[in-house]
């Protein structure tokens, strides 16, 4: 399944971005649970999420609407959201 490999690479890259932008010292991309709730379990606030969203927009060349921020609760959800945005651009 080539698609699952691509999503796994995207999940790892999103984890790297979140760790770097939020200066998380206790977590590595390998140990970051892609299903962890970023707000409830990690304590990411709306400003942090906005910062991450801006970096992701630059990295992937997609627009992330502020109204969609509540959908971006975990790394896996962010990866799936980006995947759908990227596929939408190709059509």
PDB file of N, CA and C in Angstrom:
ATOM      1  N   UNK A   1       0.832  -1.189   0.000  1.00  0.00           N
ATOM      2  CA  UNK A   1       0.000   0.000   0.000  1.00  0.00           C
ATOM      3  C   UNK A   1       0.875   1.250   0.000  1.00  0.00           C
ATOM      4  N   UNK A   2       1.126   1.843  -1.120  1.00  0.00           N
ATOM      5  CA  UNK A   2       1.991   3.016  -1.153  1.00  0.00           C
ATOM      6  C   UNK A   2       1.388   4.206  -0.419  1.00  0.00           C
ATOM      7  N   UNK A   3       0.066   4.299  -0.370  1.00  0.00           N
ATOM      8  CA  UNK A   3      -0.573   5.439   0.272  1.00  0.00           C
ATOM      9  C   UNK A   3      -0.314   5.461   1.768  1.00  0.00           C
ATOM     10  N   UNK A   4      -0.337   4.279   2.427  1.00  0.00           N
ATOM     11  CA  UNK A   4      -0.113   4.248   3.866  1.00  0.00           C
ATOM     12  C   UNK A   4       1.323   4.641   4.192  1.00  0.00           C
ATOM     13  N   UNK A   5       2.262   4.301   3.320  1.00  0.00           N
ATOM     14  CA  UNK A   5       3.639   4.710   3.546  1.00  0.00           C
ATOM     15  C   UNK A   5       3.754   6.229   3.456  1.00  0.00           C
ATOM     16  N   UNK A   6       3.069   6.823   2.501  1.00  0.00           N
ATOM     17  CA  UNK A   6       3.082   8.276   2.367  1.00  0.00           C
ATOM     18  C   UNK A   6       2.476   8.961   3.566  1.00  0.00           C
ATOM     19  N   UNK A   7       1.390   8.405   4.090  1.00  0.00           N
ATOM     20  CA  UNK A   7       0.746   9.015   5.254  1.00  0.00           C
ATOM     21  C   UNK A   7       1.642   8.863   6.473  1.00  0.00           C
ATOM     22  N   UNK A   8       2.355   7.745   6.584  1.00  0.00           N
ATOM     23  CA  UNK A   8       3.272   7.559   7.708  1.00  0.00           C
ATOM     24  C   UNK A   8       4.416   8.561   7.655  1.00  0.00           C
ATOM     25  N   UNK A   9       4.919   8.826   6.459  1.00  0.00           N
ATOM     26  CA  UNK A   9       5.973   9.839   6.314  1.00  0.00           C
ATOM     27  C   UNK A   9       5.427  11.224   6.673  1.00  0.00           C
ATOM     28  N   UNK A  10       4.198  11.504   6.268  1.00  0.00           N
ATOM     29  CA  UNK A  10       3.583  12.791   6.582  1.00  0.00           C
ATOM     30  C   UNK A  10       3.366  12.921   8.092  1.00  0.00           C
ATOM     31  N   UNK A  11       2.910  11.842   8.736  1.00  0.00           N
ATOM     32  CA  UNK A  11       2.717  11.859  10.189  1.00  0.00           C
ATOM     33  C   UNK A  11       4.035  12.165  10.889  1.00  0.00           C
ATOM     34  N   UNK A  12       5.102  11.533  10.442  1.00  0.00           N
ATOM     35  CA  UNK A  12       6.421  11.774  11.049  1.00  0.00           C
ATOM     36  C   UNK A  12       6.852  13.237  10.850  1.00  0.00           C
ATOM     37  N   UNK A  13       6.648  13.773   9.665  1.00  0.00           N
ATOM     38  CA  UNK A  13       7.045  15.160   9.393  1.00  0.00           C
ATOM     39  C   UNK A  13       6.208  16.136  10.218  1.00  0.00           C
ATOM     40  N   UNK A  14       4.913  15.870  10.361  1.00  0.00           N
ATOM     41  CA  UNK A  14       4.057  16.731  11.181  1.00  0.00           C
ATOM     42  C   UNK A  14       4.523  16.672  12.637  1.00  0.00           C
ATOM     43  N   UNK A  15       4.863  15.487  13.107  1.00  0.00           N
ATOM     44  CA  UNK A  15       5.386  15.354  14.469  1.00  0.00           C
ATOM     45  C   UNK A  15       6.653  16.192  14.636  1.00  0.00           C
ATOM     46  N   UNK A  16       7.550  16.127  13.665  1.00  0.00           N
ATOM     47  CA  UNK A  16       8.781  16.928  13.715  1.00  0.00           C
ATOM     48  C   UNK A  16       8.463  18.417  13.798  1.00  0.00           C
ATOM     49  N   UNK A  17       7.512  18.862  12.990  1.00  0.00           N
ATOM     50  CA  UNK A  17       7.140  20.284  12.978  1.00  0.00           C
ATOM     51  C   UNK A  17       6.560  20.689  14.324  1.00  0.00           C
ATOM     52  N   UNK A  18       5.658  19.883  14.874  1.00  0.00           N
ATOM     53  CA  UNK A  18       5.046  20.216  16.165  1.00  0.00           C
ATOM     54  C   UNK A  18       6.098  20.250  17.261  1.00  0.00           C
ATOM     55  N   UNK A  19       6.989  19.272  17.277  1.00  0.00           N
ATOM     56  CA  UNK A  19       8.053  19.236  18.286  1.00  0.00           C
ATOM     57  C   UNK A  19       8.932  20.475  18.174  1.00  0.00           C
ATOM     58  N   UNK A  20       9.302  20.829  16.950  1.00  0.00           N
ATOM     59  CA  UNK A  20      10.175  21.978  16.736  1.00  0.00           C
ATOM     60  C   UNK A  20       9.478  23.293  17.083  1.00  0.00           C
ATOM     61  N   UNK A  21       8.271  23.491  16.583  1.00  0.00           N
ATOM     62  CA  UNK A  21       7.564  24.756  16.785  1.00  0.00           C
ATOM     63  C   UNK A  21       7.143  24.970  18.233  1.00  0.00           C
ATOM     64  N   UNK A  22       6.774  23.904  18.918  1.00  0.00           N
ATOM     65  CA  UNK A  22       6.298  24.026  20.299  1.00  0.00           C
ATOM     66  C   UNK A  22       7.400  23.736  21.305  1.00  0.00           C
ATOM     67  N   UNK A  23       8.609  23.490  20.792  1.00  0.00           N
ATOM     68  CA  UNK A  23       9.784  23.255  21.626  1.00  0.00           C
ATOM     69  C   UNK A  23       9.533  22.168  22.674  1.00  0.00           C
ATOM     70  N   UNK A  24       9.031  21.034  22.203  1.00  0.00           N
ATOM     71  CA  UNK A  24       8.767  19.894  23.070  1.00  0.00           C
ATOM     72  C   UNK A  24      10.056  19.100  23.231  1.00  0.00           C
ATOM     73  N   UNK A  25      10.542  19.005  24.447  1.00  0.00           N
ATOM     74  CA  UNK A  25      11.830  18.362  24.678  1.00  0.00           C
ATOM     75  C   UNK A  25      11.705  16.905  25.073  1.00  0.00           C
ATOM     76  N   UNK A  26      10.546  16.503  25.555  1.00  0.00           N
ATOM     77  CA  UNK A  26      10.370  15.144  26.076  1.00  0.00           C
ATOM     78  C   UNK A  26       9.913  14.158  24.997  1.00  0.00           C
ATOM     79  N   UNK A  27       9.582  14.655  23.804  1.00  0.00           N
ATOM     80  CA  UNK A  27       8.965  13.809  22.776  1.00  0.00           C
ATOM     81  C   UNK A  27       9.842  13.774  21.530  1.00  0.00           C
ATOM     82  N   UNK A  28       9.949  12.587  20.922  1.00  0.00           N
ATOM     83  CA  UNK A  28      10.633  12.445  19.643  1.00  0.00           C
ATOM     84  C   UNK A  28       9.584  12.080  18.595  1.00  0.00           C
ATOM     85  N   UNK A  29       9.888  12.267  17.310  1.00  0.00           N
ATOM     86  CA  UNK A  29       8.926  11.862  16.277  1.00  0.00           C
ATOM     87  C   UNK A  29       8.547  10.386  16.388  1.00  0.00           C
ATOM     88  N   UNK A  30       9.499   9.546  16.806  1.00  0.00           N
ATOM     89  CA  UNK A  30       9.230   8.113  16.924  1.00  0.00           C
ATOM     90  C   UNK A  30       8.296   7.810  18.098  1.00  0.00           C
ATOM     91  N   UNK A  31       8.388   8.589  19.164  1.00  0.00           N
ATOM     92  CA  UNK A  31       7.573   8.299  20.354  1.00  0.00           C
ATOM     93  C   UNK A  31       6.264   9.084  20.380  1.00  0.00           C
ATOM     94  N   UNK A  32       6.074   9.992  19.441  1.00  0.00           N
ATOM     95  CA  UNK A  32       4.872  10.828  19.405  1.00  0.00           C
ATOM     96  C   UNK A  32       3.692   9.982  18.926  1.00  0.00           C
ATOM     97  N   UNK A  33       2.702   9.802  19.789  1.00  0.00           N
ATOM     98  CA  UNK A  33       1.510   9.028  19.433  1.00  0.00           C
ATOM     99  C   UNK A  33       0.691   9.836  18.433  1.00  0.00           C
ATOM    100  N   UNK A  34       0.531   9.346  17.191  1.00  0.00           N
ATOM    101  CA  UNK A  34      -0.182  10.129  16.181  1.00  0.00           C
ATOM    102  C   UNK A  34      -1.661  10.322  16.495  1.00  0.00           C
ATOM    103  N   UNK A  35      -2.186   9.558  17.461  1.00  0.00           N
ATOM    104  CA  UNK A  35      -3.593   9.697  17.830  1.00  0.00           C
ATOM    105  C   UNK A  35      -3.794  10.481  19.123  1.00  0.00           C
ATOM    106  N   UNK A  36      -2.702  10.977  19.704  1.00  0.00           N
ATOM    107  CA  UNK A  36      -2.807  11.771  20.924  1.00  0.00           C
ATOM    108  C   UNK A  36      -3.568  13.062  20.644  1.00  0.00           C
ATOM    109  N   UNK A  37      -4.504  13.396  21.516  1.00  0.00           N
ATOM    110  CA  UNK A  37      -5.251  14.643  21.380  1.00  0.00           C
ATOM    111  C   UNK A  37      -4.326  15.789  21.753  1.00  0.00           C
ATOM    112  N   UNK A  38      -4.010  16.630  20.778  1.00  0.00           N
ATOM    113  CA  UNK A  38      -3.031  17.693  20.984  1.00  0.00           C
ATOM    114  C   UNK A  38      -3.489  18.711  22.026  1.00  0.00           C
ATOM    115  N   UNK A  39      -4.780  18.979  22.077  1.00  0.00           N
ATOM    116  CA  UNK A  39      -5.302  19.971  23.011  1.00  0.00           C
ATOM    117  C   UNK A  39      -5.466  19.365  24.406  1.00  0.00           C
ATOM    118  N   UNK A  40      -6.204  18.263  24.496  1.00  0.00           N
ATOM    119  CA  UNK A  40      -6.519  17.679  25.797  1.00  0.00           C
ATOM    120  C   UNK A  40      -5.346  16.969  26.457  1.00  0.00           C
ATOM    121  N   UNK A  41      -4.540  16.268  25.673  1.00  0.00           N
ATOM    122  CA  UNK A  41      -3.457  15.478  26.250  1.00  0.00           C
ATOM    123  C   UNK A  41      -2.110  16.199  26.258  1.00  0.00           C
ATOM    124  N   UNK A  42      -1.887  17.075  25.280  1.00  0.00           N
ATOM    125  CA  UNK A  42      -0.590  17.747  25.179  1.00  0.00           C
ATOM    126  C   UNK A  42      -0.664  19.203  25.635  1.00  0.00           C
ATOM    127  N   UNK A  43      -1.872  19.754  25.718  1.00  0.00           N
ATOM    128  CA  UNK A  43      -2.029  21.124  26.190  1.00  0.00           C
ATOM    129  C   UNK A  43      -1.754  22.185  25.135  1.00  0.00           C
ATOM    130  N   UNK A  44      -1.888  21.824  23.858  1.00  0.00           N
ATOM    131  CA  UNK A  44      -1.695  22.791  22.778  1.00  0.00           C
ATOM    132  C   UNK A  44      -2.862  23.776  22.801  1.00  0.00           C
ATOM    133  N   UNK A  45      -2.534  25.076  22.794  1.00  0.00           N
ATOM    134  CA  UNK A  45      -3.607  26.069  22.786  1.00  0.00           C
ATOM    135  C   UNK A  45      -3.823  26.588  21.366  1.00  0.00           C
ATOM    136  N   UNK A  46      -4.796  27.483  21.216  1.00  0.00           N
ATOM    137  CA  UNK A  46      -5.167  27.956  19.882  1.00  0.00           C
ATOM    138  C   UNK A  46      -4.025  28.716  19.201  1.00  0.00           C
ATOM    139  N   UNK A  47      -3.236  29.433  19.957  1.00  0.00           N
ATOM    140  CA  UNK A  47      -2.097  30.154  19.358  1.00  0.00           C
ATOM    141  C   UNK A  47      -1.047  29.163  18.841  1.00  0.00           C
ATOM    142  N   UNK A  48      -0.778  28.127  19.631  1.00  0.00           N
ATOM    143  CA  UNK A  48       0.167  27.097  19.194  1.00  0.00           C
ATOM    144  C   UNK A  48      -0.331  26.414  17.921  1.00  0.00           C
ATOM    145  N   UNK A  49      -1.621  26.109  17.902  1.00  0.00           N
ATOM    146  CA  UNK A  49      -2.204  25.440  16.738  1.00  0.00           C
ATOM    147  C   UNK A  49      -2.128  26.342  15.508  1.00  0.00           C
ATOM    148  N   UNK A  50      -2.357  27.633  15.692  1.00  0.00           N
ATOM    149  CA  UNK A  50      -2.263  28.575  14.577  1.00  0.00           C
ATOM    150  C   UNK A  50      -0.826  28.621  14.036  1.00  0.00           C
ATOM    151  N   UNK A  51       0.144  28.614  14.937  1.00  0.00           N
ATOM    152  CA  UNK A  51       1.552  28.615  14.520  1.00  0.00           C
ATOM    153  C   UNK A  51       1.881  27.368  13.709  1.00  0.00           C
ATOM    154  N   UNK A  52       1.456  26.214  14.221  1.00  0.00           N
ATOM    155  CA  UNK A  52       1.699  24.952  13.516  1.00  0.00           C
ATOM    156  C   UNK A  52       1.000  24.965  12.161  1.00  0.00           C
ATOM    157  N   UNK A  53      -0.225  25.462  12.122  1.00  0.00           N
ATOM    158  CA  UNK A  53      -0.977  25.504  10.859  1.00  0.00           C
ATOM    159  C   UNK A  53      -0.255  26.361   9.824  1.00  0.00           C
ATOM    160  N   UNK A  54       0.304  27.491  10.240  1.00  0.00           N
ATOM    161  CA  UNK A  54       1.034  28.358   9.308  1.00  0.00           C
ATOM    162  C   UNK A  54       2.258  27.644   8.739  1.00  0.00           C
ATOM    163  N   UNK A  55       2.979  26.940   9.592  1.00  0.00           N
ATOM    164  CA  UNK A  55       4.155  26.200   9.129  1.00  0.00           C
ATOM    165  C   UNK A  55       3.735  25.095   8.160  1.00  0.00           C
ATOM    166  N   UNK A  56       2.641  24.395   8.484  1.00  0.00           N
ATOM    167  CA  UNK A  56       2.151  23.335   7.604  1.00  0.00           C
ATOM    168  C   UNK A  56       1.699  23.898   6.259  1.00  0.00           C
ATOM    169  N   UNK A  57       1.083  25.066   6.269  1.00  0.00           N
ATOM    170  CA  UNK A  57       0.673  25.706   5.009  1.00  0.00           C
ATOM    171  C   UNK A  57       1.887  25.970   4.133  1.00  0.00           C
ATOM    172  N   UNK A  58       2.960  26.483   4.742  1.00  0.00           N
ATOM    173  CA  UNK A  58       4.186  26.746   3.987  1.00  0.00           C
ATOM    174  C   UNK A  58       4.818  25.446   3.494  1.00  0.00           C
ATOM    175  N   UNK A  59       4.851  24.455   4.361  1.00  0.00           N
ATOM    176  CA  UNK A  59       5.502  23.180   4.043  1.00  0.00           C
ATOM    177  C   UNK A  59       4.786  22.445   2.903  1.00  0.00           C
ATOM    178  N   UNK A  60       3.461  22.434   2.941  1.00  0.00           N
ATOM    179  CA  UNK A  60       2.697  21.631   1.990  1.00  0.00           C
ATOM    180  C   UNK A  60       2.006  22.449   0.912  1.00  0.00           C
ATOM    181  N   UNK A  61       2.065  23.774   1.002  1.00  0.00           N
ATOM    182  CA  UNK A  61       1.472  24.611  -0.037  1.00  0.00           C
ATOM    183  C   UNK A  61      -0.042  24.520  -0.096  1.00  0.00           C
ATOM    184  N   UNK A  62      -0.673  24.337   1.062  1.00  0.00           N
ATOM    185  CA  UNK A  62      -2.131  24.285   1.126  1.00  0.00           C
ATOM    186  C   UNK A  62      -2.626  25.358   2.082  1.00  0.00           C
ATOM    187  N   UNK A  63      -3.865  25.781   1.883  1.00  0.00           N
ATOM    188  CA  UNK A  63      -4.492  26.731   2.791  1.00  0.00           C
ATOM    189  C   UNK A  63      -5.271  25.962   3.851  1.00  0.00           C
ATOM    190  N   UNK A  64      -5.041  26.297   5.113  1.00  0.00           N
ATOM    191  CA  UNK A  64      -5.793  25.689   6.214  1.00  0.00           C
ATOM    192  C   UNK A  64      -6.693  26.778   6.800  1.00  0.00           C
ATOM    193  N   UNK A  65      -7.981  26.616   6.612  1.00  0.00           N
ATOM    194  CA  UNK A  65      -8.959  27.583   7.087  1.00  0.00           C
ATOM    195  C   UNK A  65      -9.021  27.544   8.615  1.00  0.00           C
ATOM    196  N   UNK A  66      -9.082  28.722   9.240  1.00  0.00           N
ATOM    197  CA  UNK A  66      -9.180  28.780  10.706  1.00  0.00           C
ATOM    198  C   UNK A  66     -10.376  28.003  11.218  1.00  0.00           C
ATOM    199  N   UNK A  67     -11.449  27.945  10.442  1.00  0.00           N
ATOM    200  CA  UNK A  67     -12.640  27.196  10.857  1.00  0.00           C
ATOM    201  C   UNK A  67     -12.356  25.699  10.945  1.00  0.00           C
ATOM    202  N   UNK A  68     -11.279  25.247  10.287  1.00  0.00           N
ATOM    203  CA  UNK A  68     -10.926  23.826  10.307  1.00  0.00           C
ATOM    204  C   UNK A  68     -10.010  23.462  11.483  1.00  0.00           C
ATOM    205  N   UNK A  69      -9.481  24.453  12.198  1.00  0.00           N
ATOM    206  CA  UNK A  69      -8.561  24.161  13.301  1.00  0.00           C
ATOM    207  C   UNK A  69      -9.131  23.154  14.298  1.00  0.00           C
ATOM    208  N   UNK A  70     -10.435  23.242  14.666  1.00  0.00           N
ATOM    209  CA  UNK A  70     -10.960  22.256  15.620  1.00  0.00           C
ATOM    210  C   UNK A  70     -10.893  20.816  15.108  1.00  0.00           C
ATOM    211  N   UNK A  71     -10.799  20.630  13.792  1.00  0.00           N
ATOM    212  CA  UNK A  71     -10.690  19.284  13.217  1.00  0.00           C
ATOM    213  C   UNK A  71      -9.279  18.718  13.374  1.00  0.00           C
ATOM    214  N   UNK A  72      -8.318  19.564  13.692  1.00  0.00           N
ATOM    215  CA  UNK A  72      -6.911  19.160  13.718  1.00  0.00           C
ATOM    216  C   UNK A  72      -6.509  18.784  15.139  1.00  0.00           C
ATOM    217  N   UNK A  73      -7.139  17.740  15.647  1.00  0.00           N
ATOM    218  CA  UNK A  73      -6.960  17.362  17.051  1.00  0.00           C
ATOM    219  C   UNK A  73      -5.782  16.437  17.301  1.00  0.00           C
ATOM    220  N   UNK A  74      -5.332  15.742  16.279  1.00  0.00           N
ATOM    221  CA  UNK A  74      -4.208  14.812  16.452  1.00  0.00           C
ATOM    222  C   UNK A  74      -3.341  14.872  15.201  1.00  0.00           C
ATOM    223  N   UNK A  75      -2.151  14.314  15.318  1.00  0.00           N
ATOM    224  CA  UNK A  75      -1.253  14.294  14.163  1.00  0.00           C
ATOM    225  C   UNK A  75      -1.887  13.508  13.016  1.00  0.00           C
ATOM    226  N   UNK A  76      -2.542  12.382  13.333  1.00  0.00           N
ATOM    227  CA  UNK A  76      -3.163  11.581  12.276  1.00  0.00           C
ATOM    228  C   UNK A  76      -4.265  12.387  11.587  1.00  0.00           C
ATOM    229  N   UNK A  77      -5.072  13.124  12.367  1.00  0.00           N
ATOM    230  CA  UNK A  77      -6.145  13.932  11.771  1.00  0.00           C
ATOM    231  C   UNK A  77      -5.564  15.050  10.908  1.00  0.00           C
ATOM    232  N   UNK A  78      -4.455  15.644  11.337  1.00  0.00           N
ATOM    233  CA  UNK A  78      -3.790  16.677  10.545  1.00  0.00           C
ATOM    234  C   UNK A  78      -3.283  16.072   9.236  1.00  0.00           C
ATOM    235  N   UNK A  79      -2.660  14.887   9.319  1.00  0.00           N
ATOM    236  CA  UNK A  79      -2.126  14.224   8.123  1.00  0.00           C
ATOM    237  C   UNK A  79      -3.244  13.902   7.141  1.00  0.00           C
ATOM    238  N   UNK A  80      -4.361  13.395   7.648  1.00  0.00           N
ATOM    239  CA  UNK A  80      -5.494  13.069   6.775  1.00  0.00           C
ATOM    240  C   UNK A  80      -6.103  14.333   6.172  1.00  0.00           C
ATOM    241  N   UNK A  81      -6.171  15.396   6.961  1.00  0.00           N
ATOM    242  CA  UNK A  81      -6.684  16.675   6.465  1.00  0.00           C
ATOM    243  C   UNK A  81      -5.792  17.186   5.325  1.00  0.00           C
ATOM    244  N   UNK A  82      -4.480  17.172   5.557  1.00  0.00           N
ATOM    245  CA  UNK A  82      -3.547  17.628   4.522  1.00  0.00           C
ATOM    246  C   UNK A  82      -3.648  16.761   3.272  1.00  0.00           C
ATOM    247  N   UNK A  83      -3.778  15.454   3.474  1.00  0.00           N
ATOM    248  CA  UNK A  83      -3.910  14.537   2.342  1.00  0.00           C
ATOM    249  C   UNK A  83      -5.130  14.908   1.497  1.00  0.00           C
ATOM    250  N   UNK A  84      -6.248  15.168   2.158  1.00  0.00           N
ATOM    251  CA  UNK A  84      -7.464  15.504   1.412  1.00  0.00           C
ATOM    252  C   UNK A  84      -7.310  16.847   0.702  1.00  0.00           C
ATOM    253  N   UNK A  85      -6.643  17.810   1.333  1.00  0.00           N
ATOM    254  CA  UNK A  85      -6.401  19.109   0.694  1.00  0.00           C
ATOM    255  C   UNK A  85      -5.481  18.965  -0.518  1.00  0.00           C
ATOM    256  N   UNK A  86      -4.449  18.157  -0.363  1.00  0.00           N
ATOM    257  CA  UNK A  86      -3.498  17.956  -1.461  1.00  0.00           C
ATOM    258  C   UNK A  86      -4.168  17.215  -2.615  1.00  0.00           C
ATOM    259  N   UNK A  87      -4.981  16.225  -2.329  1.00  0.00           N
ATOM    260  CA  UNK A  87      -5.696  15.501  -3.388  1.00  0.00           C
ATOM    261  C   UNK A  87      -6.699  16.408  -4.086  1.00  0.00           C
ATOM    262  N   UNK A  88      -7.328  17.289  -3.326  1.00  0.00           N
ATOM    263  CA  UNK A  88      -8.290  18.234  -3.897  1.00  0.00           C
ATOM    264  C   UNK A  88      -7.636  19.186  -4.873  1.00  0.00           C
ATOM    265  N   UNK A  89      -6.378  19.534  -4.617  1.00  0.00           N
ATOM    266  CA  UNK A  89      -5.653  20.447  -5.505  1.00  0.00           C
ATOM    267  C   UNK A  89      -5.301  19.781  -6.829  1.00  0.00           C
ATOM    268  N   UNK A  90      -5.083  18.461  -6.782  1.00  0.00           N
ATOM    269  CA  UNK A  90      -4.648  17.748  -7.989  1.00  0.00           C
ATOM    270  C   UNK A  90      -5.778  17.501  -8.974  1.00  0.00           C
ATOM    271  N   UNK A  91      -7.023  17.562  -8.503  1.00  0.00           N
ATOM    272  CA  UNK A  91      -8.166  17.267  -9.361  1.00  0.00           C
ATOM    273  C   UNK A  91      -8.443  18.387 -10.315  1.00  0.00           C
TER     274      UNK A  91
END
